[in-house]
PDB file of N, CA and C in Angstrom:
ATOM      1  N   ILE A   1      54.757 139.716  85.179  1.00  0.00           N
ATOM      2  CA  ILE A   1      54.311 138.624  84.764  1.00  0.00           C
ATOM      3  C   ILE A   1      54.626 137.353  85.751  1.00  0.00           C
ATOM      4  N   THR A   2      53.817 136.672  86.121  1.00  0.00           N
ATOM      5  CA  THR A   2      53.997 135.649  87.183  1.00  0.00           C
ATOM      6  C   THR A   2      54.495 134.268  86.407  1.00  0.00           C
ATOM      7  N   SER A   3      55.174 133.479  87.335  1.00  0.00           N
ATOM      8  CA  SER A   3      55.670 132.209  86.826  1.00  0.00           C
ATOM      9  C   SER A   3      54.902 131.098  87.672  1.00  0.00           C
ATOM     10  N   VAL A   4      55.308 129.961  87.003  1.00  0.00           N
ATOM     11  CA  VAL A   4      54.743 128.731  87.625  1.00  0.00           C
ATOM     12  C   VAL A   4      55.790 127.738  87.409  1.00  0.00           C
ATOM     13  N   LEU A   5      55.989 126.709  88.365  1.00  0.00           N
ATOM     14  CA  LEU A   5      56.933 125.712  88.347  1.00  0.00           C
ATOM     15  C   LEU A   5      56.342 124.555  87.408  1.00  0.00           C
ATOM     16  N   GLY A   6      56.933 124.235  86.251  1.00  0.00           N
ATOM     17  CA  GLY A   6      56.442 123.191  85.480  1.00  0.00           C
ATOM     18  C   GLY A   6      57.183 121.942  85.276  1.00  0.00           C
ATOM     19  N   SER A   7      58.236 121.847  86.032  1.00  0.00           N
ATOM     20  CA  SER A   7      59.089 120.765  85.782  1.00  0.00           C
ATOM     21  C   SER A   7      58.764 119.551  86.351  1.00  0.00           C
ATOM     22  N   THR A   8      57.824 119.570  87.421  1.00  0.00           N
ATOM     23  CA  THR A   8      57.453 118.267  88.400  1.00  0.00           C
ATOM     24  C   THR A   8      56.085 117.806  88.060  1.00  0.00           C
ATOM     25  N   GLN A   9      55.466 118.296  87.063  1.00  0.00           N
ATOM     26  CA  GLN A   9      54.133 117.956  86.575  1.00  0.00           C
ATOM     27  C   GLN A   9      54.010 117.607  85.176  1.00  0.00           C
ATOM     28  N   ALA A  10      53.100 116.572  84.945  1.00  0.00           N
ATOM     29  CA  ALA A  10      52.873 116.178  83.327  1.00  0.00           C
ATOM     30  C   ALA A  10      51.937 117.182  82.738  1.00  0.00           C
ATOM     31  N   ALA A  11      51.142 117.776  83.331  1.00  0.00           N
ATOM     32  CA  ALA A  11      50.490 119.108  82.913  1.00  0.00           C
ATOM     33  C   ALA A  11      50.174 120.053  83.991  1.00  0.00           C
ATOM     34  N   ILE A  12      50.360 121.221  83.515  1.00  0.00           N
ATOM     35  CA  ILE A  12      50.080 122.546  84.464  1.00  0.00           C
ATOM     36  C   ILE A  12      49.080 123.267  83.792  1.00  0.00           C
ATOM     37  N   THR A  13      48.421 124.083  84.783  1.00  0.00           N
ATOM     38  CA  THR A  13      47.309 125.114  84.119  1.00  0.00           C
ATOM     39  C   THR A  13      48.250 126.620  84.275  1.00  0.00           C
ATOM     40  N   LEU A  14      48.297 127.028  83.259  1.00  0.00           N
ATOM     41  CA  LEU A  14      49.137 128.433  82.971  1.00  0.00           C
ATOM     42  C   LEU A  14      48.381 129.419  83.747  1.00  0.00           C
ATOM     43  N   SER A  15      47.011 129.600  83.829  1.00  0.00           N
ATOM     44  CA  SER A  15      46.439 130.662  84.527  1.00  0.00           C
ATOM     45  C   SER A  15      47.090 132.071  83.822  1.00  0.00           C
ATOM     46  N   MET A  16      47.095 132.381  82.835  1.00  0.00           N
ATOM     47  CA  MET A  16      47.884 133.453  82.190  1.00  0.00           C
ATOM     48  C   MET A  16      47.249 134.764  82.506  1.00  0.00           C
ATOM     49  N   VAL A  17      48.325 135.832  82.715  1.00  0.00           N
ATOM     50  CA  VAL A  17      47.755 137.227  83.131  1.00  0.00           C
ATOM     51  C   VAL A  17      47.553 138.016  81.718  1.00  0.00           C
ATOM     52  N   THR A  18      46.637 138.879  81.818  1.00  0.00           N
ATOM     53  CA  THR A  18      46.487 139.864  80.782  1.00  0.00           C
ATOM     54  C   THR A  18      47.523 141.036  80.926  1.00  0.00           C
ATOM     55  N   LEU A  19      48.175 141.041  79.681  1.00  0.00           N
ATOM     56  CA  LEU A  19      49.350 142.195  79.836  1.00  0.00           C
ATOM     57  C   LEU A  19      48.765 143.562  79.622  1.00  0.00           C
ATOM     58  N   THR A  20      49.362 144.579  79.933  1.00  0.00           N
ATOM     59  CA  THR A  20      49.002 146.010  79.847  1.00  0.00           C
ATOM     60  C   THR A  20      50.068 146.571  78.891  1.00  0.00           C
ATOM     61  N   ALA A  21      50.071 147.862  78.683  1.00  0.00           N
ATOM     62  CA  ALA A  21      51.029 148.583  77.845  1.00  0.00           C
ATOM     63  C   ALA A  21      52.441 148.403  78.168  1.00  0.00           C
ATOM     64  N   SER A  22      52.673 148.263  79.620  1.00  0.00           N
ATOM     65  CA  SER A  22      54.132 147.880  80.154  1.00  0.00           C
ATOM     66  C   SER A  22      53.842 146.948  81.418  1.00  0.00           C
ATOM     67  N   ASP A  23      54.506 145.852  81.158  1.00  0.00           N
ATOM     68  CA  ASP A  23      54.737 144.978  82.303  1.00  0.00           C
ATOM     69  C   ASP A  23      56.047 144.609  82.506  1.00  0.00           C
ATOM     70  N   THR A  24      56.315 144.008  83.807  1.00  0.00           N
ATOM     71  CA  THR A  24      57.818 143.601  83.986  1.00  0.00           C
ATOM     72  C   THR A  24      57.809 141.964  84.262  1.00  0.00           C
ATOM     73  N   LEU A  25      58.963 141.465  84.039  1.00  0.00           N
ATOM     74  CA  LEU A  25      59.181 140.126  84.477  1.00  0.00           C
ATOM     75  C   LEU A  25      60.364 139.974  85.208  1.00  0.00           C
ATOM     76  N   THR A  26      60.484 138.826  86.024  1.00  0.00           N
ATOM     77  CA  THR A  26      61.872 138.528  86.637  1.00  0.00           C
ATOM     78  C   THR A  26      62.334 137.405  86.082  1.00  0.00           C
ATOM     79  N   TYR A  27      63.752 137.871  85.455  1.00  0.00           N
ATOM     80  CA  TYR A  27      64.534 136.919  84.637  1.00  0.00           C
ATOM     81  C   TYR A  27      65.377 136.212  85.728  1.00  0.00           C
ATOM     82  N   LYS A  28      65.517 135.074  85.669  1.00  0.00           N
ATOM     83  CA  LYS A  28      66.453 134.281  86.507  1.00  0.00           C
ATOM     84  C   LYS A  28      67.315 133.492  85.629  1.00  0.00           C
ATOM     85  N   PRO A  29      68.664 134.111  85.647  1.00  0.00           N
ATOM     86  CA  PRO A  29      69.840 133.620  84.568  1.00  0.00           C
ATOM     87  C   PRO A  29      70.061 132.172  84.638  1.00  0.00           C
ATOM     88  N   LEU A  30      69.980 131.545  85.948  1.00  0.00           N
ATOM     89  CA  LEU A  30      70.502 130.341  86.062  1.00  0.00           C
ATOM     90  C   LEU A  30      69.287 129.444  85.918  1.00  0.00           C
ATOM     91  N   GLY A  31      68.093 129.835  85.812  1.00  0.00           N
ATOM     92  CA  GLY A  31      66.801 129.123  85.538  1.00  0.00           C
ATOM     93  C   GLY A  31      66.650 128.546  84.179  1.00  0.00           C
ATOM     94  N   ASN A  32      65.454 127.837  83.984  1.00  0.00           N
ATOM     95  CA  ASN A  32      65.137 127.540  82.647  1.00  0.00           C
ATOM     96  C   ASN A  32      63.773 128.064  82.536  1.00  0.00           C
ATOM     97  N   GLN A  33      63.719 129.405  82.104  1.00  0.00           N
ATOM     98  CA  GLN A  33      62.441 129.916  82.023  1.00  0.00           C
ATOM     99  C   GLN A  33      61.796 130.026  80.541  1.00  0.00           C
ATOM    100  N   LYS A  34      60.689 129.818  80.395  1.00  0.00           N
ATOM    101  CA  LYS A  34      60.022 129.866  79.048  1.00  0.00           C
ATOM    102  C   LYS A  34      58.830 130.863  79.150  1.00  0.00           C
ATOM    103  N   LEU A  35      58.974 131.856  78.378  1.00  0.00           N
ATOM    104  CA  LEU A  35      57.769 132.950  78.211  1.00  0.00           C
ATOM    105  C   LEU A  35      56.588 132.443  77.200  1.00  0.00           C
ATOM    106  N   PHE A  36      55.477 132.551  77.486  1.00  0.00           N
ATOM    107  CA  PHE A  36      54.411 132.068  76.712  1.00  0.00           C
ATOM    108  C   PHE A  36      53.610 133.255  76.807  1.00  0.00           C
ATOM    109  N   ILE A  37      53.389 133.667  75.235  1.00  0.00           N
ATOM    110  CA  ILE A  37      52.471 134.960  74.999  1.00  0.00           C
ATOM    111  C   ILE A  37      51.436 134.381  74.069  1.00  0.00           C
ATOM    112  N   TYR A  38      50.109 134.735  74.303  1.00  0.00           N
ATOM    113  CA  TYR A  38      48.948 134.396  73.512  1.00  0.00           C
ATOM    114  C   TYR A  38      48.214 135.608  73.043  1.00  0.00           C
ATOM    115  N   ASN A  39      48.010 135.658  71.957  1.00  0.00           N
ATOM    116  CA  ASN A  39      47.404 136.934  71.110  1.00  0.00           C
ATOM    117  C   ASN A  39      45.992 136.526  70.823  1.00  0.00           C
ATOM    118  N   PRO A  40      44.818 136.901  71.516  1.00  0.00           N
ATOM    119  CA  PRO A  40      43.445 136.545  71.272  1.00  0.00           C
ATOM    120  C   PRO A  40      42.788 137.316  70.258  1.00  0.00           C
ATOM    121  N   THR A  41      43.566 138.478  69.801  1.00  0.00           N
ATOM    122  CA  THR A  41      42.846 139.444  68.859  1.00  0.00           C
ATOM    123  C   THR A  41      43.224 139.005  67.431  1.00  0.00           C
ATOM    124  N   ALA A  42      42.484 139.607  66.625  1.00  0.00           N
ATOM    125  CA  ALA A  42      42.484 139.294  64.951  1.00  0.00           C
ATOM    126  C   ALA A  42      43.636 139.992  64.178  1.00  0.00           C
ATOM    127  N   SER A  43      44.572 140.567  64.974  1.00  0.00           N
ATOM    128  CA  SER A  43      45.657 141.186  64.274  1.00  0.00           C
ATOM    129  C   SER A  43      46.967 140.873  64.913  1.00  0.00           C
ATOM    130  N   PRO A  44      48.161 140.617  64.313  1.00  0.00           N
ATOM    131  CA  PRO A  44      49.465 140.479  64.784  1.00  0.00           C
ATOM    132  C   PRO A  44      49.752 141.591  65.745  1.00  0.00           C
ATOM    133  N   VAL A  45      50.490 141.342  66.928  1.00  0.00           N
ATOM    134  CA  VAL A  45      51.031 142.353  67.690  1.00  0.00           C
ATOM    135  C   VAL A  45      52.270 141.991  68.046  1.00  0.00           C
ATOM    136  N   VAL A  46      53.197 143.167  67.893  1.00  0.00           N
ATOM    137  CA  VAL A  46      54.579 143.147  68.297  1.00  0.00           C
ATOM    138  C   VAL A  46      54.925 143.663  69.696  1.00  0.00           C
ATOM    139  N   VAL A  47      55.538 142.779  70.516  1.00  0.00           N
ATOM    140  CA  VAL A  47      55.711 143.069  71.978  1.00  0.00           C
ATOM    141  C   VAL A  47      57.343 143.126  71.961  1.00  0.00           C
ATOM    142  N   THR A  48      57.733 143.958  72.847  1.00  0.00           N
ATOM    143  CA  THR A  48      59.232 144.251  73.004  1.00  0.00           C
ATOM    144  C   THR A  48      59.707 143.863  74.475  1.00  0.00           C
ATOM    145  N   ILE A  49      60.642 142.953  74.493  1.00  0.00           N
ATOM    146  CA  ILE A  49      61.187 142.574  75.843  1.00  0.00           C
ATOM    147  C   ILE A  49      62.552 143.267  76.021  1.00  0.00           C
ATOM    148  N   ASP A  50      62.639 144.174  77.100  1.00  0.00           N
ATOM    149  CA  ASP A  50      63.652 145.156  77.251  1.00  0.00           C
ATOM    150  C   ASP A  50      64.181 145.171  78.480  1.00  0.00           C
ATOM    151  N   GLY A  51      65.458 144.828  78.853  1.00  0.00           N
ATOM    152  CA  GLY A  51      65.897 145.018  80.337  1.00  0.00           C
ATOM    153  C   GLY A  51      66.844 146.434  80.093  1.00  0.00           C
ATOM    154  N   ASN A  52      66.510 147.211  81.319  1.00  0.00           N
ATOM    155  CA  ASN A  52      67.193 148.613  81.256  1.00  0.00           C
ATOM    156  C   ASN A  52      68.706 148.680  81.473  1.00  0.00           C
ATOM    157  N   GLY A  53      69.379 147.186  81.482  1.00  0.00           N
ATOM    158  CA  GLY A  53      70.787 147.397  81.740  1.00  0.00           C
ATOM    159  C   GLY A  53      71.322 146.798  80.360  1.00  0.00           C
ATOM    160  N   GLY A  54      70.643 146.486  79.505  1.00  0.00           N
ATOM    161  CA  GLY A  54      71.248 145.959  78.098  1.00  0.00           C
ATOM    162  C   GLY A  54      71.792 147.348  77.076  1.00  0.00           C
ATOM    163  N   THR A  55      72.950 147.332  76.814  1.00  0.00           N
ATOM    164  CA  THR A  55      73.611 148.397  75.864  1.00  0.00           C
ATOM    165  C   THR A  55      74.094 147.652  74.727  1.00  0.00           C
ATOM    166  N   THR A  56      75.200 147.344  74.628  1.00  0.00           N
ATOM    167  CA  THR A  56      75.807 146.672  73.470  1.00  0.00           C
ATOM    168  C   THR A  56      76.676 145.509  73.993  1.00  0.00           C
ATOM    169  N   LEU A  57      76.931 144.675  72.990  1.00  0.00           N
ATOM    170  CA  LEU A  57      77.839 143.543  73.377  1.00  0.00           C
ATOM    171  C   LEU A  57      78.757 143.178  72.129  1.00  0.00           C
ATOM    172  N   PRO A  58      79.999 142.926  72.394  1.00  0.00           N
ATOM    173  CA  PRO A  58      80.897 142.608  71.474  1.00  0.00           C
ATOM    174  C   PRO A  58      80.520 141.169  70.816  1.00  0.00           C
ATOM    175  N   VAL A  59      80.778 141.079  69.428  1.00  0.00           N
ATOM    176  CA  VAL A  59      80.461 139.892  68.602  1.00  0.00           C
ATOM    177  C   VAL A  59      81.631 139.611  67.877  1.00  0.00           C
ATOM    178  N   THR A  60      82.211 138.391  68.184  1.00  0.00           N
ATOM    179  CA  THR A  60      83.379 137.809  67.580  1.00  0.00           C
ATOM    180  C   THR A  60      83.137 137.514  66.161  1.00  0.00           C
ATOM    181  N   GLY A  61      84.014 137.898  65.463  1.00  0.00           N
ATOM    182  CA  GLY A  61      84.085 137.639  63.954  1.00  0.00           C
ATOM    183  C   GLY A  61      83.453 138.779  63.133  1.00  0.00           C
ATOM    184  N   ILE A  62      83.025 139.883  63.696  1.00  0.00           N
ATOM    185  CA  ILE A  62      82.483 141.010  62.973  1.00  0.00           C
ATOM    186  C   ILE A  62      83.404 142.445  63.279  1.00  0.00           C
ATOM    187  N   GLY A  63      84.227 142.182  64.385  1.00  0.00           N
ATOM    188  CA  GLY A  63      84.989 143.351  64.691  1.00  0.00           C
ATOM    189  C   GLY A  63      84.145 144.330  65.101  1.00  0.00           C
ATOM    190  N   GLY A  64      83.124 144.221  66.038  1.00  0.00           N
ATOM    191  CA  GLY A  64      82.367 145.259  66.571  1.00  0.00           C
ATOM    192  C   GLY A  64      81.575 144.893  67.552  1.00  0.00           C
ATOM    193  N   THR A  65      80.367 145.622  67.488  1.00  0.00           N
ATOM    194  CA  THR A  65      79.274 145.323  68.741  1.00  0.00           C
ATOM    195  C   THR A  65      77.940 145.345  68.157  1.00  0.00           C
ATOM    196  N   ILE A  66      77.040 144.736  68.883  1.00  0.00           N
ATOM    197  CA  ILE A  66      75.728 144.861  68.446  1.00  0.00           C
ATOM    198  C   ILE A  66      74.872 145.512  69.615  1.00  0.00           C
ATOM    199  N   ASP A  67      74.034 146.543  69.061  1.00  0.00           N
ATOM    200  CA  ASP A  67      73.231 147.325  70.070  1.00  0.00           C
ATOM    201  C   ASP A  67      71.962 146.478  70.424  1.00  0.00           C
ATOM    202  N   VAL A  68      71.862 146.169  71.773  1.00  0.00           N
ATOM    203  CA  VAL A  68      70.554 145.444  72.225  1.00  0.00           C
ATOM    204  C   VAL A  68      69.696 146.450  73.224  1.00  0.00           C
ATOM    205  N   SER A  69      70.144 147.747  72.938  1.00  0.00           N
ATOM    206  CA  SER A  69      69.314 148.582  74.025  1.00  0.00           C
ATOM    207  C   SER A  69      68.055 148.699  73.790  1.00  0.00           C
ATOM    208  N   ALA A  70      67.411 148.710  72.445  1.00  0.00           N
ATOM    209  CA  ALA A  70      66.127 148.846  72.172  1.00  0.00           C
ATOM    210  C   ALA A  70      65.271 147.583  72.510  1.00  0.00           C
ATOM    211  N   GLY A  71      65.889 146.503  72.904  1.00  0.00           N
ATOM    212  CA  GLY A  71      65.226 145.212  73.430  1.00  0.00           C
ATOM    213  C   GLY A  71      64.804 144.350  72.204  1.00  0.00           C
ATOM    214  N   LYS A  72      64.154 143.259  72.500  1.00  0.00           N
ATOM    215  CA  LYS A  72      64.108 142.304  71.492  1.00  0.00           C
ATOM    216  C   LYS A  72      62.489 142.299  71.044  1.00  0.00           C
ATOM    217  N   ALA A  73      62.267 142.612  69.862  1.00  0.00           N
ATOM    218  CA  ALA A  73      61.094 142.856  69.289  1.00  0.00           C
ATOM    219  C   ALA A  73      60.492 141.388  68.910  1.00  0.00           C
ATOM    220  N   ILE A  74      59.253 140.831  69.277  1.00  0.00           N
ATOM    221  CA  ILE A  74      58.720 139.572  68.986  1.00  0.00           C
ATOM    222  C   ILE A  74      57.348 139.662  68.497  1.00  0.00           C
ATOM    223  N   THR A  75      56.979 139.451  67.387  1.00  0.00           N
ATOM    224  CA  THR A  75      55.733 139.296  66.767  1.00  0.00           C
ATOM    225  C   THR A  75      54.916 138.158  67.165  1.00  0.00           C
ATOM    226  N   VAL A  76      53.816 138.365  67.870  1.00  0.00           N
ATOM    227  CA  VAL A  76      52.624 137.490  68.223  1.00  0.00           C
ATOM    228  C   VAL A  76      51.731 137.286  67.068  1.00  0.00           C
ATOM    229  N   PRO A  77      51.528 136.273  66.434  1.00  0.00           N
ATOM    230  CA  PRO A  77      50.519 136.199  65.375  1.00  0.00           C
ATOM    231  C   PRO A  77      49.183 136.497  65.975  1.00  0.00           C
ATOM    232  N   ALA A  78      48.163 136.635  65.008  1.00  0.00           N
ATOM    233  CA  ALA A  78      46.728 136.766  65.461  1.00  0.00           C
ATOM    234  C   ALA A  78      46.259 135.510  65.711  1.00  0.00           C
ATOM    235  N   ASN A  79      45.362 135.382  66.896  1.00  0.00           N
ATOM    236  CA  ASN A  79      44.720 134.142  67.453  1.00  0.00           C
ATOM    237  C   ASN A  79      45.677 133.036  67.568  1.00  0.00           C
ATOM    238  N   ASP A  80      47.000 133.433  68.132  1.00  0.00           N
ATOM    239  CA  ASP A  80      48.021 132.363  68.146  1.00  0.00           C
ATOM    240  C   ASP A  80      49.017 132.743  69.276  1.00  0.00           C
ATOM    241  N   GLY A  81      49.927 131.963  69.493  1.00  0.00           N
ATOM    242  CA  GLY A  81      50.971 132.318  70.622  1.00  0.00           C
ATOM    243  C   GLY A  81      52.384 132.220  70.226  1.00  0.00           C
ATOM    244  N   VAL A  82      53.159 132.614  71.029  1.00  0.00           N
ATOM    245  CA  VAL A  82      54.669 132.311  70.974  1.00  0.00           C
ATOM    246  C   VAL A  82      55.226 131.872  72.251  1.00  0.00           C
ATOM    247  N   TYR A  83      56.387 131.143  72.042  1.00  0.00           N
ATOM    248  CA  TYR A  83      56.992 130.492  73.314  1.00  0.00           C
ATOM    249  C   TYR A  83      58.597 131.057  73.111  1.00  0.00           C
ATOM    250  N   VAL A  84      58.942 131.783  74.173  1.00  0.00           N
ATOM    251  CA  VAL A  84      60.152 132.433  74.204  1.00  0.00           C
ATOM    252  C   VAL A  84      61.092 131.682  75.221  1.00  0.00           C
ATOM    253  N   VAL A  85      62.202 130.923  74.853  1.00  0.00           N
ATOM    254  CA  VAL A  85      63.131 130.662  75.780  1.00  0.00           C
ATOM    255  C   VAL A  85      64.155 131.702  76.321  1.00  0.00           C
ATOM    256  N   LEU A  86      63.764 132.151  77.429  1.00  0.00           N
ATOM    257  CA  LEU A  86      64.474 133.383  77.729  1.00  0.00           C
ATOM    258  C   LEU A  86      65.987 133.358  77.807  1.00  0.00           C
ATOM    259  N   LYS A  87      66.585 132.198  78.168  1.00  0.00           N
ATOM    260  CA  LYS A  87      68.102 132.211  78.308  1.00  0.00           C
ATOM    261  C   LYS A  87      68.778 132.524  76.870  1.00  0.00           C
ATOM    262  N   VAL A  88      67.956 132.249  75.942  1.00  0.00           N
ATOM    263  CA  VAL A  88      68.393 132.554  74.253  1.00  0.00           C
ATOM    264  C   VAL A  88      68.479 134.048  74.192  1.00  0.00           C
ATOM    265  N   ILE A  89      67.760 134.673  74.796  1.00  0.00           N
ATOM    266  CA  ILE A  89      67.778 136.284  74.484  1.00  0.00           C
ATOM    267  C   ILE A  89      68.284 136.848  75.647  1.00  0.00           C
ATOM    268  N   ASP A  90      69.221 136.271  76.641  1.00  0.00           N
ATOM    269  CA  ASP A  90      69.524 136.859  77.872  1.00  0.00           C
ATOM    270  C   ASP A  90      70.319 138.312  77.761  1.00  0.00           C
ATOM    271  N   ALA A  91      70.867 138.487  76.564  1.00  0.00           N
ATOM    272  CA  ALA A  91      71.521 139.858  76.353  1.00  0.00           C
ATOM    273  C   ALA A  91      70.395 141.121  76.488  1.00  0.00           C
ATOM    274  N   TYR A  92      69.372 140.700  76.196  1.00  0.00           N
ATOM    275  CA  TYR A  92      68.216 141.764  76.383  1.00  0.00           C
ATOM    276  C   TYR A  92      67.652 141.911  77.704  1.00  0.00           C
ATOM    277  N   LEU A  93      68.080 140.913  78.480  1.00  0.00           N
ATOM    278  CA  LEU A  93      67.437 140.929  79.874  1.00  0.00           C
ATOM    279  C   LEU A  93      68.113 141.337  81.054  1.00  0.00           C
ATOM    280  N   LYS A  94      68.939 142.220  80.894  1.00  0.00           N
ATOM    281  CA  LYS A  94      69.847 142.660  81.947  1.00  0.00           C
ATOM    282  C   LYS A  94      69.016 143.817  82.761  1.00  0.00           C
ATOM    283  N   GLY A  95      69.126 143.782  84.165  1.00  0.00           N
ATOM    284  CA  GLY A  95      68.423 144.918  84.837  1.00  0.00           C
ATOM    285  C   GLY A  95      66.922 144.564  84.816  1.00  0.00           C
ATOM    286  N   THR A  96      66.206 145.755  85.130  1.00  0.00           N
ATOM    287  CA  THR A  96      64.764 145.408  85.288  1.00  0.00           C
ATOM    288  C   THR A  96      64.169 145.365  83.887  1.00  0.00           C
ATOM    289  N   VAL A  97      63.297 144.102  83.625  1.00  0.00           N
ATOM    290  CA  VAL A  97      63.016 143.800  82.299  1.00  0.00           C
ATOM    291  C   VAL A  97      61.436 144.147  82.165  1.00  0.00           C
ATOM    292  N   ALA A  98      61.235 144.865  81.046  1.00  0.00           N
ATOM    293  CA  ALA A  98      59.951 145.327  80.649  1.00  0.00           C
ATOM    294  C   ALA A  98      59.545 144.718  79.461  1.00  0.00           C
ATOM    295  N   VAL A  99      58.136 144.315  79.474  1.00  0.00           N
ATOM    296  CA  VAL A  99      57.525 143.892  78.191  1.00  0.00           C
ATOM    297  C   VAL A  99      56.521 144.806  77.935  1.00  0.00           C
ATOM    298  N   THR A 100      56.725 145.598  76.644  1.00  0.00           N
ATOM    299  CA  THR A 100      55.733 146.423  76.323  1.00  0.00           C
ATOM    300  C   THR A 100      55.033 146.216  75.041  1.00  0.00           C
ATOM    301  N   GLY A 101      54.047 147.066  74.863  1.00  0.00           N
ATOM    302  CA  GLY A 101      53.249 146.895  73.537  1.00  0.00           C
ATOM    303  C   GLY A 101      52.273 145.729  73.455  1.00  0.00           C
ATOM    304  N   GLY A 102      52.092 145.008  74.486  1.00  0.00           N
ATOM    305  CA  GLY A 102      51.267 143.794  74.822  1.00  0.00           C
ATOM    306  C   GLY A 102      49.852 144.149  75.249  1.00  0.00           C
ATOM    307  N   THR A 103      49.264 145.038  75.211  1.00  0.00           N
ATOM    308  CA  THR A 103      47.970 145.286  75.767  1.00  0.00           C
ATOM    309  C   THR A 103      47.132 144.341  75.315  1.00  0.00           C
ATOM    310  N   GLY A 104      46.336 143.604  76.103  1.00  0.00           N
ATOM    311  CA  GLY A 104      45.354 142.636  75.908  1.00  0.00           C
ATOM    312  C   GLY A 104      45.785 141.170  75.508  1.00  0.00           C
ATOM    313  N   LEU A 105      47.210 141.124  75.526  1.00  0.00           N
ATOM    314  CA  LEU A 105      47.634 139.706  75.330  1.00  0.00           C
ATOM    315  C   LEU A 105      47.636 138.904  76.528  1.00  0.00           C
ATOM    316  N   LYS A 106      47.831 137.713  76.532  1.00  0.00           N
ATOM    317  CA  LYS A 106      47.972 136.832  77.805  1.00  0.00           C
ATOM    318  C   LYS A 106      49.379 136.402  77.858  1.00  0.00           C
ATOM    319  N   ALA A 107      49.969 136.079  78.870  1.00  0.00           N
ATOM    320  CA  ALA A 107      51.289 135.658  79.241  1.00  0.00           C
ATOM    321  C   ALA A 107      51.448 134.707  80.452  1.00  0.00           C
ATOM    322  N   LYS A 108      52.639 133.985  80.533  1.00  0.00           N
ATOM    323  CA  LYS A 108      52.849 133.329  81.634  1.00  0.00           C
ATOM    324  C   LYS A 108      54.262 132.829  81.504  1.00  0.00           C
ATOM    325  N   ILE A 109      55.035 132.847  82.533  1.00  0.00           N
ATOM    326  CA  ILE A 109      56.425 132.197  82.650  1.00  0.00           C
ATOM    327  C   ILE A 109      56.340 130.863  83.091  1.00  0.00           C
ATOM    328  N   VAL A 110      56.860 129.771  82.362  1.00  0.00           N
ATOM    329  CA  VAL A 110      57.009 128.532  83.113  1.00  0.00           C
ATOM    330  C   VAL A 110      58.443 128.271  83.340  1.00  0.00           C
ATOM    331  N   GLU A 111      58.729 127.952  84.649  1.00  0.00           N
ATOM    332  CA  GLU A 111      60.179 127.521  85.024  1.00  0.00           C
ATOM    333  C   GLU A 111      60.430 126.112  85.230  1.00  0.00           C
ATOM    334  N   GLY A 112      61.598 125.618  84.622  1.00  0.00           N
ATOM    335  CA  GLY A 112      62.013 124.142  84.837  1.00  0.00           C
ATOM    336  C   GLY A 112      61.670 123.582  83.448  1.00  0.00           C
TER     337      GLY A 112
END
């Protein structure tokens, strides 16, 4: 999934790419990336964002860990879109990051 720099312009053209069954994105932990996904179909679609390096992480206050190895499932409503602030889900973005299940959806990353 390609990205575009958005912090220096009042309006940008997203020129979204069409997703396949499995796509990859490059996550920049120090950046301010937002992933836009649009669903032009008549049914909701669940996409999964999953880095191959995500396993478990400790959570203070529960005395254990949470498993993030299956990735973050995000439902994209029919004829609508979602906006994902990637740094908010960075536990799922370790290693090579795949976006799966999004065949036919449109996506773009905006940086800045």
